[in-house]
Amino acid sequence: MTGKWTESMSYQPCDEEGKPLSGTEPKEMWRVPDVPLKDKYQFTYFSHKGELSKVSKEKNNLEVRQRKERKSREANGDTFTPKWFDLTNEVVTTPYGETPIYKYNYKYNEHRAKVNSLIEVVQPIEFNPWQYGQEKMA
């Protein structure tokens, strides 16, 4: 995948090392539409059709949970480790400072294959994007 989430995203089939397959071209998945005129918040036309107060409440709930998880992690002396990405030795300079680079580790493919093999036998495990379950955050 290439692009910026604030502009557009494209994808292209790649080999296991992440190099684009020969004979393939990037395909644009989406492009951020123009912002409506006189919109002080830079919302898209799509955003104006949504329930902004409900969305704001859910966004706040998500941020509260993220802060709570981080405090719990710090209190336990744990560090955050992404499940599907590994830290590389690369660092990129951005307007916000030095940013470490992560690389996809293909563990999600293994996880998905395992879940798919179990779906017919047992109920799928509830998706939980958090490092800690509810019991550790209480």
C-alpha atoms as a PDB file:
ATOM      1  CA  MET A   1       0.000   0.000   0.000  1.00  0.00           C
ATOM      2  CA  THR A   2       1.183   3.479  -0.754  1.00  0.00           C
ATOM      3  CA  GLY A   3      -0.115   6.973  -0.270  1.00  0.00           C
ATOM      4  CA  LYS A   4      -1.168   9.293   2.504  1.00  0.00           C
ATOM      5  CA  TRP A   5      -4.408   8.762   4.382  1.00  0.00           C
ATOM      6  CA  THR A   6      -5.007  12.506   4.075  1.00  0.00           C
ATOM      7  CA  GLU A   7      -4.849  12.346   0.257  1.00  0.00           C
ATOM      8  CA  SER A   8      -5.288   8.924  -1.356  1.00  0.00           C
ATOM      9  CA  MET A   9      -4.308   5.272  -0.908  1.00  0.00           C
ATOM     10  CA  SER A  10      -3.297   2.757  -3.561  1.00  0.00           C
ATOM     11  CA  TYR A  11      -2.398  -0.913  -3.442  1.00  0.00           C
ATOM     12  CA  GLN A  12      -0.345  -3.231  -5.599  1.00  0.00           C
ATOM     13  CA  PRO A  13       0.242  -6.997  -5.333  1.00  0.00           C
ATOM     14  CA  CYS A  14       3.693  -7.705  -3.845  1.00  0.00           C
ATOM     15  CA  ASP A  15       5.932 -10.679  -3.206  1.00  0.00           C
ATOM     16  CA  GLU A  16       6.761 -11.872   0.324  1.00  0.00           C
ATOM     17  CA  GLU A  17       9.540  -9.277   0.592  1.00  0.00           C
ATOM     18  CA  GLY A  18       7.149  -6.438  -0.208  1.00  0.00           C
ATOM     19  CA  LYS A  19       8.404  -5.777  -3.733  1.00  0.00           C
ATOM     20  CA  PRO A  20       5.688  -5.090  -6.351  1.00  0.00           C
ATOM     21  CA  LEU A  21       5.017  -8.010  -8.703  1.00  0.00           C
ATOM     22  CA  SER A  22       6.137  -7.361 -12.263  1.00  0.00           C
ATOM     23  CA  GLY A  23       3.354  -6.544 -14.678  1.00  0.00           C
ATOM     24  CA  THR A  24       1.182  -4.984 -11.964  1.00  0.00           C
ATOM     25  CA  GLU A  25       0.307  -1.347 -11.453  1.00  0.00           C
ATOM     26  CA  PRO A  26      -0.852   0.449  -8.287  1.00  0.00           C
ATOM     27  CA  LYS A  27      -4.655   0.693  -8.058  1.00  0.00           C
ATOM     28  CA  GLU A  28      -6.196   3.614  -6.216  1.00  0.00           C
ATOM     29  CA  MET A  29      -8.538   2.414  -3.461  1.00  0.00           C
ATOM     30  CA  TRP A  30      -9.795   5.818  -2.414  1.00  0.00           C
ATOM     31  CA  ARG A  31      -9.130   9.515  -2.676  1.00  0.00           C
ATOM     32  CA  VAL A  32     -10.093  12.136  -0.136  1.00  0.00           C
ATOM     33  CA  PRO A  33     -12.829  14.263  -1.695  1.00  0.00           C
ATOM     34  CA  ASP A  34     -12.706  18.027  -1.816  1.00  0.00           C
ATOM     35  CA  VAL A  35     -13.842  19.825   1.328  1.00  0.00           C
ATOM     36  CA  PRO A  36     -17.199  21.620   1.070  1.00  0.00           C
ATOM     37  CA  LEU A  37     -16.965  25.397   0.743  1.00  0.00           C
ATOM     38  CA  LYS A  38     -17.252  27.418   3.971  1.00  0.00           C
ATOM     39  CA  ASP A  39     -16.598  24.384   6.180  1.00  0.00           C
ATOM     40  CA  LYS A  40     -14.598  25.601   9.188  1.00  0.00           C
ATOM     41  CA  TYR A  41     -13.736  22.067  10.377  1.00  0.00           C
ATOM     42  CA  GLN A  42     -12.434  20.694   7.053  1.00  0.00           C
ATOM     43  CA  PHE A  43     -15.061  17.923   7.065  1.00  0.00           C
ATOM     44  CA  THR A  44     -15.857  16.103   3.819  1.00  0.00           C
ATOM     45  CA  TYR A  45     -19.336  15.886   2.289  1.00  0.00           C
ATOM     46  CA  PHE A  46     -19.563  12.358   3.699  1.00  0.00           C
ATOM     47  CA  SER A  47     -18.784  13.619   7.212  1.00  0.00           C
ATOM     48  CA  HIS A  48     -21.604  16.129   7.020  1.00  0.00           C
ATOM     49  CA  LYS A  49     -24.067  13.272   6.461  1.00  0.00           C
ATOM     50  CA  GLY A  50     -22.998  11.510   9.706  1.00  0.00           C
ATOM     51  CA  GLU A  51     -24.137  11.886  13.281  1.00  0.00           C
ATOM     52  CA  LEU A  52     -21.349  14.145  14.495  1.00  0.00           C
ATOM     53  CA  SER A  53     -22.349  14.215  18.176  1.00  0.00           C
ATOM     54  CA  LYS A  54     -22.497  10.400  18.299  1.00  0.00           C
ATOM     55  CA  VAL A  55     -19.173  10.130  16.485  1.00  0.00           C
ATOM     56  CA  SER A  56     -17.557  12.629  18.870  1.00  0.00           C
ATOM     57  CA  LYS A  57     -18.783  10.628  21.867  1.00  0.00           C
ATOM     58  CA  GLU A  58     -17.398   7.366  20.440  1.00  0.00           C
ATOM     59  CA  LYS A  59     -14.086   9.032  19.569  1.00  0.00           C
ATOM     60  CA  ASN A  60     -13.811  10.319  23.134  1.00  0.00           C
ATOM     61  CA  ASN A  61     -14.633   6.843  24.538  1.00  0.00           C
ATOM     62  CA  LEU A  62     -11.883   5.337  22.374  1.00  0.00           C
ATOM     63  CA  GLU A  63      -9.337   7.935  23.497  1.00  0.00           C
ATOM     64  CA  VAL A  64     -10.248   7.410  27.182  1.00  0.00           C
ATOM     65  CA  ARG A  65      -9.744   3.666  26.778  1.00  0.00           C
ATOM     66  CA  GLN A  66      -6.406   4.197  25.026  1.00  0.00           C
ATOM     67  CA  ARG A  67      -5.185   6.453  27.853  1.00  0.00           C
ATOM     68  CA  LYS A  68      -6.393   3.959  30.460  1.00  0.00           C
ATOM     69  CA  GLU A  69      -4.558   1.116  28.719  1.00  0.00           C
ATOM     70  CA  ARG A  70      -1.366   3.179  28.481  1.00  0.00           C
ATOM     71  CA  LYS A  71      -1.505   4.034  32.216  1.00  0.00           C
ATOM     72  CA  SER A  72      -2.059   0.378  33.081  1.00  0.00           C
ATOM     73  CA  ARG A  73       0.826  -0.644  30.832  1.00  0.00           C
ATOM     74  CA  GLU A  74       3.146   1.970  32.364  1.00  0.00           C
ATOM     75  CA  ALA A  75       2.112   1.002  35.926  1.00  0.00           C
ATOM     76  CA  ASN A  76       3.072  -2.612  35.149  1.00  0.00           C
ATOM     77  CA  GLY A  77       6.372  -1.556  33.578  1.00  0.00           C
ATOM     78  CA  ASP A  78       5.274  -2.984  30.227  1.00  0.00           C
ATOM     79  CA  THR A  79       6.019  -1.496  26.836  1.00  0.00           C
ATOM     80  CA  PHE A  80       3.690  -1.389  23.867  1.00  0.00           C
ATOM     81  CA  THR A  81       4.505  -4.000  21.251  1.00  0.00           C
ATOM     82  CA  PRO A  82       2.477  -4.056  18.032  1.00  0.00           C
ATOM     83  CA  LYS A  83       1.187  -7.519  17.113  1.00  0.00           C
ATOM     84  CA  TRP A  84       1.411  -7.247  13.347  1.00  0.00           C
ATOM     85  CA  PHE A  85       4.472  -4.975  12.917  1.00  0.00           C
ATOM     86  CA  ASP A  86       8.141  -5.128  13.973  1.00  0.00           C
ATOM     87  CA  LEU A  87      10.340  -2.134  14.697  1.00  0.00           C
ATOM     88  CA  THR A  88      13.124  -1.649  12.154  1.00  0.00           C
ATOM     89  CA  ASN A  89      16.402   0.215  12.584  1.00  0.00           C
ATOM     90  CA  GLU A  90      15.143   2.946  10.252  1.00  0.00           C
ATOM     91  CA  VAL A  91      14.185   6.404  11.498  1.00  0.00           C
ATOM     92  CA  VAL A  92      12.572   9.121   9.399  1.00  0.00           C
ATOM     93  CA  THR A  93      12.629  12.834  10.143  1.00  0.00           C
ATOM     94  CA  THR A  94       9.148  14.378  10.056  1.00  0.00           C
ATOM     95  CA  PRO A  95       7.850  17.835  10.991  1.00  0.00           C
ATOM     96  CA  TYR A  96       7.038  16.283  14.391  1.00  0.00           C
ATOM     97  CA  GLY A  97      10.527  14.897  15.034  1.00  0.00           C
ATOM     98  CA  GLU A  98      12.226  11.557  14.542  1.00  0.00           C
ATOM     99  CA  THR A  99       9.780   8.736  13.750  1.00  0.00           C
ATOM    100  CA  PRO A 100      10.734   5.056  13.953  1.00  0.00           C
ATOM    101  CA  ILE A 101       9.706   2.813  11.046  1.00  0.00           C
ATOM    102  CA  TYR A 102       7.756  -0.408  11.526  1.00  0.00           C
ATOM    103  CA  LYS A 103       7.520  -3.265   9.021  1.00  0.00           C
ATOM    104  CA  TYR A 104       4.606  -5.675   8.589  1.00  0.00           C
ATOM    105  CA  ASN A 105       5.627  -9.057  10.088  1.00  0.00           C
ATOM    106  CA  TYR A 106       3.058 -11.335   8.369  1.00  0.00           C
ATOM    107  CA  LYS A 107       1.884 -12.729  11.740  1.00  0.00           C
ATOM    108  CA  TYR A 108      -1.639 -11.545  10.957  1.00  0.00           C
ATOM    109  CA  ASN A 109      -1.714 -13.938   7.994  1.00  0.00           C
ATOM    110  CA  GLU A 110      -0.938 -16.830  10.371  1.00  0.00           C
ATOM    111  CA  HIS A 111      -3.534 -15.608  12.868  1.00  0.00           C
ATOM    112  CA  ARG A 112      -6.194 -15.248  10.159  1.00  0.00           C
ATOM    113  CA  ALA A 113      -5.465 -18.741   8.815  1.00  0.00           C
ATOM    114  CA  LYS A 114      -5.777 -20.194  12.326  1.00  0.00           C
ATOM    115  CA  VAL A 115      -9.058 -18.369  12.977  1.00  0.00           C
ATOM    116  CA  ASN A 116     -10.422 -19.423   9.596  1.00  0.00           C
ATOM    117  CA  SER A 117      -9.580 -23.051  10.340  1.00  0.00           C
ATOM    118  CA  LEU A 118     -11.460 -22.858  13.655  1.00  0.00           C
ATOM    119  CA  ILE A 119     -14.551 -20.983  12.497  1.00  0.00           C
ATOM    120  CA  GLU A 120     -16.498 -24.106  11.552  1.00  0.00           C
ATOM    121  CA  VAL A 121     -15.555 -25.895  14.786  1.00  0.00           C
ATOM    122  CA  VAL A 122     -15.985 -23.168  17.412  1.00  0.00           C
ATOM    123  CA  GLN A 123     -17.310 -19.644  17.655  1.00  0.00           C
ATOM    124  CA  PRO A 124     -14.729 -17.101  16.507  1.00  0.00           C
ATOM    125  CA  ILE A 125     -12.845 -15.231  19.231  1.00  0.00           C
ATOM    126  CA  GLU A 126     -14.138 -11.706  19.734  1.00  0.00           C
ATOM    127  CA  PHE A 127     -11.892  -9.156  18.054  1.00  0.00           C
ATOM    128  CA  ASN A 128      -9.956  -7.192  20.667  1.00  0.00           C
ATOM    129  CA  PRO A 129      -7.545  -4.517  19.367  1.00  0.00           C
ATOM    130  CA  TRP A 130      -6.280  -3.787  22.866  1.00  0.00           C
ATOM    131  CA  GLN A 131      -3.096  -5.180  24.360  1.00  0.00           C
ATOM    132  CA  TYR A 132      -4.875  -5.628  27.703  1.00  0.00           C
ATOM    133  CA  GLY A 133      -8.238  -7.230  28.296  1.00  0.00           C
ATOM    134  CA  GLN A 134     -10.882  -5.662  30.514  1.00  0.00           C
ATOM    135  CA  GLU A 135      -9.661  -7.540  33.612  1.00  0.00           C
ATOM    136  CA  LYS A 136      -6.208  -5.876  33.537  1.00  0.00           C
ATOM    137  CA  MET A 137      -7.646  -2.391  33.064  1.00  0.00           C
ATOM    138  CA  ALA A 138     -10.034  -2.511  36.021  1.00  0.00           C
END
